[in-house]
N, C-alpha and C. Protein backbone atom coordinates (compact mmCIF):
# COMPACT_ATOMS: atom_id res chain seq x y z
N UNK A 1 141.57 114.56 98.50
CA UNK A 1 142.71 114.63 99.37
C UNK A 1 142.69 113.42 100.31
N UNK A 2 143.84 112.84 100.51
CA UNK A 2 143.97 111.66 101.35
C UNK A 2 143.89 112.07 102.82
N UNK A 3 143.13 111.29 103.60
CA UNK A 3 143.00 111.54 105.02
C UNK A 3 143.26 110.22 105.74
N UNK A 4 144.34 110.16 106.52
CA UNK A 4 144.71 108.92 107.21
C UNK A 4 143.66 108.45 108.19
N UNK A 5 142.85 109.35 108.72
CA UNK A 5 141.83 108.95 109.70
C UNK A 5 140.75 108.09 109.05
N UNK A 6 140.61 108.16 107.73
CA UNK A 6 139.63 107.32 107.04
C UNK A 6 140.04 105.85 107.06
N UNK A 7 141.33 105.60 107.29
CA UNK A 7 141.83 104.23 107.31
C UNK A 7 141.48 103.48 108.59
N UNK A 8 141.16 104.21 109.64
CA UNK A 8 140.82 103.57 110.91
C UNK A 8 139.52 102.78 110.74
N UNK A 9 139.54 101.59 111.31
CA UNK A 9 138.35 100.76 111.24
C UNK A 9 137.32 101.31 112.23
N UNK A 10 136.14 101.62 111.73
CA UNK A 10 135.08 102.16 112.56
C UNK A 10 134.29 101.02 113.17
N UNK A 11 133.90 101.20 114.40
CA UNK A 11 133.02 100.24 115.06
C UNK A 11 131.59 100.59 114.67
N UNK A 12 130.87 99.60 114.19
CA UNK A 12 129.51 99.81 113.72
C UNK A 12 128.53 99.11 114.67
N UNK A 13 127.36 99.68 114.80
CA UNK A 13 126.29 99.02 115.56
C UNK A 13 125.17 98.68 114.59
N UNK A 14 124.41 97.66 114.95
CA UNK A 14 123.30 97.21 114.13
C UNK A 14 121.99 97.60 114.79
N UNK A 15 121.05 98.06 113.96
CA UNK A 15 119.74 98.50 114.43
C UNK A 15 118.68 97.88 113.53
N UNK A 16 117.62 97.36 114.12
CA UNK A 16 116.53 96.76 113.36
C UNK A 16 115.47 97.83 113.07
N UNK A 17 115.11 97.94 111.79
CA UNK A 17 114.05 98.87 111.39
C UNK A 17 113.03 98.12 110.53
N UNK A 18 111.87 98.73 110.38
CA UNK A 18 110.89 98.25 109.42
C UNK A 18 111.08 99.06 108.15
N UNK A 19 111.37 98.40 107.05
CA UNK A 19 111.76 99.11 105.84
C UNK A 19 110.61 99.37 104.86
N UNK A 20 109.39 99.03 105.26
CA UNK A 20 108.25 99.23 104.36
C UNK A 20 107.09 99.77 105.18
N UNK A 21 106.06 100.26 104.50
CA UNK A 21 104.89 100.78 105.19
C UNK A 21 104.20 99.65 105.96
N UNK A 22 103.61 99.99 107.09
CA UNK A 22 102.87 99.00 107.86
C UNK A 22 103.24 98.97 109.32
N UNK A 23 104.46 99.25 109.67
CA UNK A 23 104.84 99.30 111.07
C UNK A 23 105.67 98.13 111.53
N UNK A 24 106.47 98.38 112.55
CA UNK A 24 107.35 97.38 113.15
C UNK A 24 106.53 96.27 113.80
N UNK A 25 106.99 95.06 113.64
CA UNK A 25 106.37 93.93 114.31
C UNK A 25 107.22 92.69 114.15
N UNK A 26 107.10 91.80 115.12
CA UNK A 26 107.78 90.51 115.06
C UNK A 26 106.74 89.41 114.94
N UNK A 27 107.09 88.36 114.24
CA UNK A 27 106.24 87.18 114.22
C UNK A 27 106.23 86.58 115.62
N UNK A 28 105.22 85.76 115.91
CA UNK A 28 105.17 85.08 117.21
C UNK A 28 106.43 84.26 117.43
N UNK A 29 106.86 83.53 116.40
CA UNK A 29 108.07 82.70 116.54
C UNK A 29 109.30 83.54 116.85
N UNK A 30 109.41 84.71 116.22
CA UNK A 30 110.57 85.58 116.45
C UNK A 30 110.55 86.16 117.86
N UNK A 31 109.37 86.58 118.32
CA UNK A 31 109.29 87.14 119.67
C UNK A 31 109.57 86.07 120.71
N UNK A 32 109.07 84.86 120.47
CA UNK A 32 109.34 83.77 121.40
C UNK A 32 110.83 83.42 121.41
N UNK A 33 111.47 83.44 120.26
CA UNK A 33 112.91 83.19 120.19
C UNK A 33 113.67 84.26 120.98
N UNK A 34 113.26 85.52 120.82
CA UNK A 34 113.88 86.62 121.56
C UNK A 34 113.75 86.40 123.06
N UNK A 35 112.54 86.06 123.52
CA UNK A 35 112.32 85.84 124.95
C UNK A 35 113.14 84.67 125.46
N UNK A 36 113.26 83.63 124.65
CA UNK A 36 114.10 82.48 125.03
C UNK A 36 115.55 82.90 125.19
N UNK A 37 116.08 83.68 124.23
CA UNK A 37 117.46 84.16 124.32
C UNK A 37 117.68 85.03 125.55
N UNK A 38 116.66 85.81 125.93
CA UNK A 38 116.74 86.67 127.11
C UNK A 38 116.60 85.87 128.40
N UNK A 39 116.15 84.62 128.31
CA UNK A 39 115.95 83.80 129.50
C UNK A 39 114.66 84.12 130.23
N UNK A 40 113.66 84.64 129.51
CA UNK A 40 112.38 85.01 130.10
C UNK A 40 111.38 83.88 129.93
N UNK A 41 110.81 83.44 131.03
CA UNK A 41 109.74 82.47 130.94
C UNK A 41 108.46 83.22 130.58
N UNK A 42 107.67 82.66 129.68
CA UNK A 42 106.50 83.38 129.21
C UNK A 42 105.38 82.40 128.88
N UNK A 43 104.21 82.95 128.68
CA UNK A 43 103.04 82.20 128.26
C UNK A 43 102.35 83.01 127.17
N UNK A 44 102.13 82.40 126.03
CA UNK A 44 101.42 83.10 124.96
C UNK A 44 99.96 83.22 125.39
N UNK A 45 99.45 84.44 125.34
CA UNK A 45 98.07 84.65 125.76
C UNK A 45 97.40 85.68 124.86
N UNK A 46 96.11 85.51 124.69
CA UNK A 46 95.33 86.44 123.90
C UNK A 46 94.22 87.08 124.75
N UNK A 47 94.21 86.79 126.04
CA UNK A 47 93.08 87.16 126.87
C UNK A 47 93.07 88.62 127.31
N UNK A 48 94.20 89.18 127.69
CA UNK A 48 94.18 90.52 128.27
C UNK A 48 94.01 91.63 127.23
N UNK A 49 94.74 91.56 126.15
CA UNK A 49 94.72 92.65 125.17
C UNK A 49 94.12 92.24 123.83
N UNK A 50 93.76 90.97 123.67
CA UNK A 50 93.16 90.53 122.42
C UNK A 50 94.14 90.48 121.27
N UNK A 51 95.42 90.38 121.57
CA UNK A 51 96.43 90.41 120.52
C UNK A 51 97.59 89.52 120.92
N UNK A 52 98.26 88.93 119.94
CA UNK A 52 99.43 88.12 120.23
C UNK A 52 100.67 88.98 120.46
N UNK A 53 100.52 90.30 120.43
CA UNK A 53 101.66 91.19 120.66
C UNK A 53 102.12 91.19 122.11
N UNK A 54 101.31 90.62 123.02
CA UNK A 54 101.63 90.62 124.44
C UNK A 54 101.73 89.20 124.95
N UNK A 55 102.75 88.95 125.77
CA UNK A 55 102.98 87.64 126.35
C UNK A 55 102.99 87.76 127.86
N UNK A 56 102.26 86.89 128.52
CA UNK A 56 102.25 86.87 129.98
C UNK A 56 103.60 86.35 130.45
N UNK A 57 104.28 87.14 131.28
CA UNK A 57 105.62 86.78 131.70
C UNK A 57 105.75 86.69 133.22
N UNK A 58 104.64 86.82 133.93
CA UNK A 58 104.73 86.70 135.38
C UNK A 58 103.57 87.37 136.05
N UNK A 59 103.70 87.51 137.35
CA UNK A 59 102.64 88.06 138.17
C UNK A 59 103.25 89.01 139.18
N UNK A 60 102.73 90.23 139.29
CA UNK A 60 103.19 91.18 140.28
C UNK A 60 101.99 91.69 141.06
N UNK A 61 101.99 91.49 142.37
CA UNK A 61 100.86 91.93 143.18
C UNK A 61 99.59 91.23 142.74
N UNK A 62 98.57 92.02 142.44
CA UNK A 62 97.29 91.48 141.99
C UNK A 62 97.19 91.38 140.47
N UNK A 63 98.21 91.80 139.76
CA UNK A 63 98.15 91.89 138.30
C UNK A 63 99.14 90.95 137.63
N UNK A 64 98.74 90.49 136.46
CA UNK A 64 99.66 89.74 135.62
C UNK A 64 100.61 90.72 134.96
N UNK A 65 101.80 90.25 134.62
CA UNK A 65 102.82 91.08 133.98
C UNK A 65 102.96 90.62 132.53
N UNK A 66 102.85 91.55 131.58
CA UNK A 66 102.89 91.23 130.16
C UNK A 66 104.08 91.91 129.49
N UNK A 67 104.60 91.27 128.46
CA UNK A 67 105.68 91.82 127.64
C UNK A 67 105.20 91.97 126.21
N UNK A 68 105.77 92.93 125.51
CA UNK A 68 105.47 93.15 124.11
C UNK A 68 106.76 93.42 123.34
N UNK A 69 106.77 93.07 122.06
CA UNK A 69 107.96 93.38 121.26
C UNK A 69 108.13 94.87 121.06
N UNK A 70 107.11 95.66 121.32
CA UNK A 70 107.24 97.11 121.22
C UNK A 70 108.19 97.66 122.28
N UNK A 71 108.46 96.89 123.33
CA UNK A 71 109.34 97.33 124.41
C UNK A 71 110.82 97.06 124.14
N UNK A 72 111.13 96.38 123.07
CA UNK A 72 112.52 96.01 122.77
C UNK A 72 113.24 97.18 122.12
N UNK A 73 114.43 97.48 122.63
CA UNK A 73 115.26 98.51 121.99
C UNK A 73 115.74 97.97 120.66
N UNK A 74 115.70 98.79 119.65
CA UNK A 74 116.01 98.35 118.29
C UNK A 74 117.47 97.99 118.09
N UNK A 75 118.36 98.44 118.96
CA UNK A 75 119.77 98.07 118.86
C UNK A 75 120.12 96.93 119.82
N UNK A 76 119.12 96.30 120.38
CA UNK A 76 119.33 95.15 121.28
C UNK A 76 120.02 94.04 120.47
N UNK A 77 121.22 93.62 120.90
CA UNK A 77 121.93 92.59 120.14
C UNK A 77 121.15 91.29 119.96
N UNK A 78 120.29 90.95 120.93
CA UNK A 78 119.49 89.73 120.78
C UNK A 78 118.40 89.90 119.74
N UNK A 79 117.82 91.08 119.63
CA UNK A 79 116.85 91.34 118.56
C UNK A 79 117.54 91.24 117.21
N UNK A 80 118.71 91.84 117.10
CA UNK A 80 119.48 91.76 115.85
C UNK A 80 119.77 90.30 115.51
N UNK A 81 120.17 89.52 116.52
CA UNK A 81 120.47 88.10 116.30
C UNK A 81 119.24 87.35 115.77
N UNK A 82 118.08 87.61 116.36
CA UNK A 82 116.85 86.94 115.92
C UNK A 82 116.54 87.27 114.47
N UNK A 83 116.65 88.55 114.10
CA UNK A 83 116.36 88.96 112.72
C UNK A 83 117.38 88.37 111.75
N UNK A 84 118.64 88.32 112.15
CA UNK A 84 119.66 87.70 111.29
C UNK A 84 119.41 86.21 111.14
N UNK A 85 119.06 85.53 112.22
CA UNK A 85 118.81 84.09 112.17
C UNK A 85 117.58 83.74 111.35
N UNK A 86 116.49 84.44 111.61
CA UNK A 86 115.19 84.06 111.04
C UNK A 86 114.89 84.77 109.72
N UNK A 87 115.59 85.83 109.42
CA UNK A 87 115.40 86.63 108.21
C UNK A 87 113.92 86.96 108.02
N UNK A 88 113.33 86.64 106.90
CA UNK A 88 111.94 86.99 106.62
C UNK A 88 110.94 86.37 107.57
N UNK A 89 111.31 85.26 108.21
CA UNK A 89 110.41 84.60 109.16
C UNK A 89 110.25 85.43 110.44
N UNK A 90 111.11 86.42 110.65
CA UNK A 90 111.00 87.29 111.83
C UNK A 90 109.96 88.39 111.63
N UNK A 91 109.58 88.65 110.38
CA UNK A 91 108.65 89.74 110.09
C UNK A 91 107.29 89.51 110.73
N UNK A 92 106.75 90.58 111.31
CA UNK A 92 105.37 90.56 111.77
C UNK A 92 104.44 90.65 110.58
N UNK A 93 103.15 90.69 110.87
CA UNK A 93 102.14 90.64 109.81
C UNK A 93 102.28 91.77 108.79
N UNK A 94 102.62 92.97 109.24
CA UNK A 94 102.71 94.12 108.32
C UNK A 94 104.12 94.70 108.26
N UNK A 95 105.11 93.91 108.58
CA UNK A 95 106.47 94.47 108.63
C UNK A 95 107.40 93.80 107.63
N UNK A 96 108.45 94.52 107.32
CA UNK A 96 109.54 94.02 106.50
C UNK A 96 110.83 94.48 107.17
N UNK A 97 111.36 93.62 108.04
CA UNK A 97 112.47 94.02 108.90
C UNK A 97 113.79 94.02 108.15
N UNK A 98 114.63 94.97 108.54
CA UNK A 98 115.93 95.16 107.92
C UNK A 98 116.90 95.59 109.00
N UNK A 99 118.16 95.21 108.86
CA UNK A 99 119.19 95.63 109.79
C UNK A 99 120.04 96.71 109.12
N UNK A 100 120.16 97.84 109.81
CA UNK A 100 120.95 98.97 109.33
C UNK A 100 122.18 99.07 110.23
N UNK A 101 123.34 99.30 109.62
CA UNK A 101 124.57 99.49 110.39
C UNK A 101 124.99 100.95 110.33
N UNK A 102 125.30 101.50 111.51
CA UNK A 102 125.77 102.89 111.59
C UNK A 102 126.98 102.93 112.52
N UNK A 103 127.82 103.96 112.40
CA UNK A 103 128.96 104.10 113.32
C UNK A 103 128.47 104.23 114.76
N UNK A 104 129.20 103.62 115.69
CA UNK A 104 128.75 103.60 117.08
C UNK A 104 128.82 104.96 117.76
N UNK A 105 129.49 105.92 117.16
CA UNK A 105 129.59 107.24 117.78
C UNK A 105 128.49 108.21 117.32
N UNK A 106 127.54 107.71 116.55
CA UNK A 106 126.45 108.55 116.06
C UNK A 106 125.32 108.56 117.09
N UNK A 107 124.86 109.74 117.42
CA UNK A 107 123.69 109.90 118.29
C UNK A 107 122.46 109.79 117.38
N UNK A 108 121.81 108.63 117.40
CA UNK A 108 120.79 108.33 116.40
C UNK A 108 119.39 108.33 117.00
N UNK A 109 118.42 108.50 116.10
CA UNK A 109 117.01 108.37 116.45
C UNK A 109 116.32 107.57 115.35
N UNK A 110 115.24 106.95 115.71
CA UNK A 110 114.42 106.21 114.76
C UNK A 110 113.29 107.13 114.31
N UNK A 111 113.15 107.31 113.01
CA UNK A 111 112.07 108.11 112.47
C UNK A 111 111.22 107.24 111.57
N UNK A 112 109.92 107.58 111.44
CA UNK A 112 109.05 106.77 110.60
C UNK A 112 107.98 107.62 109.94
N UNK A 113 107.48 107.12 108.83
CA UNK A 113 106.36 107.70 108.15
C UNK A 113 105.46 106.56 107.70
N UNK A 114 104.24 106.52 108.21
CA UNK A 114 103.29 105.44 107.92
C UNK A 114 103.88 104.06 108.16
N UNK A 115 104.72 103.95 109.16
CA UNK A 115 105.30 102.67 109.53
C UNK A 115 106.63 102.35 108.88
N UNK A 116 106.98 103.03 107.79
CA UNK A 116 108.29 102.83 107.15
C UNK A 116 109.31 103.65 107.94
N UNK A 117 110.35 102.98 108.41
CA UNK A 117 111.29 103.61 109.33
C UNK A 117 112.66 103.84 108.69
N UNK A 118 113.39 104.78 109.27
CA UNK A 118 114.79 104.98 108.92
C UNK A 118 115.51 105.52 110.16
N UNK A 119 116.82 105.42 110.13
CA UNK A 119 117.65 105.94 111.20
C UNK A 119 118.20 107.29 110.76
N UNK A 120 118.13 108.26 111.66
CA UNK A 120 118.65 109.60 111.37
C UNK A 120 119.57 110.02 112.52
N UNK A 121 120.52 110.87 112.18
CA UNK A 121 121.37 111.42 113.22
C UNK A 121 120.54 112.43 114.02
N UNK A 122 120.60 112.31 115.35
CA UNK A 122 119.80 113.19 116.21
C UNK A 122 120.34 114.61 116.16
N UNK A 123 119.43 115.54 116.18
CA UNK A 123 119.80 116.94 116.29
C UNK A 123 118.70 117.63 117.08
N UNK A 124 118.91 118.86 117.45
CA UNK A 124 117.94 119.56 118.29
C UNK A 124 116.72 119.98 117.49
N UNK A 125 115.56 119.90 118.16
CA UNK A 125 114.30 120.31 117.54
C UNK A 125 113.45 121.04 118.56
N UNK A 126 112.68 121.98 118.08
CA UNK A 126 111.70 122.66 118.93
C UNK A 126 110.40 122.73 118.15
N UNK A 127 109.33 122.50 118.84
CA UNK A 127 107.99 122.57 118.20
C UNK A 127 107.12 123.53 118.93
């Protein structure tokens, strides 16, 4: 049956997921590109956490302030831009990044199994 509402152009949003086992991650170059687009001054450091996943971005009080790509919202337009620009070069060591498009009116959540992620429509759960 024909439905005229199907003819309306839907607004879609883009979300970055890891499409294979291993977990979400960005390459150093991709994370640095993201920070540059955000206008964040940073310093690559391995001293505090022993990993390149954290970048020194400033100083607050007596402590240094660090950023990680784990803090980025997956629908952040700048993250999407970096993945589109860099494609496979944006992948972290164990990741295979992919952009998924969904309608903007969907209440979505990110779900994963052993690091392989997908987007699902949110619904109520009790455990």
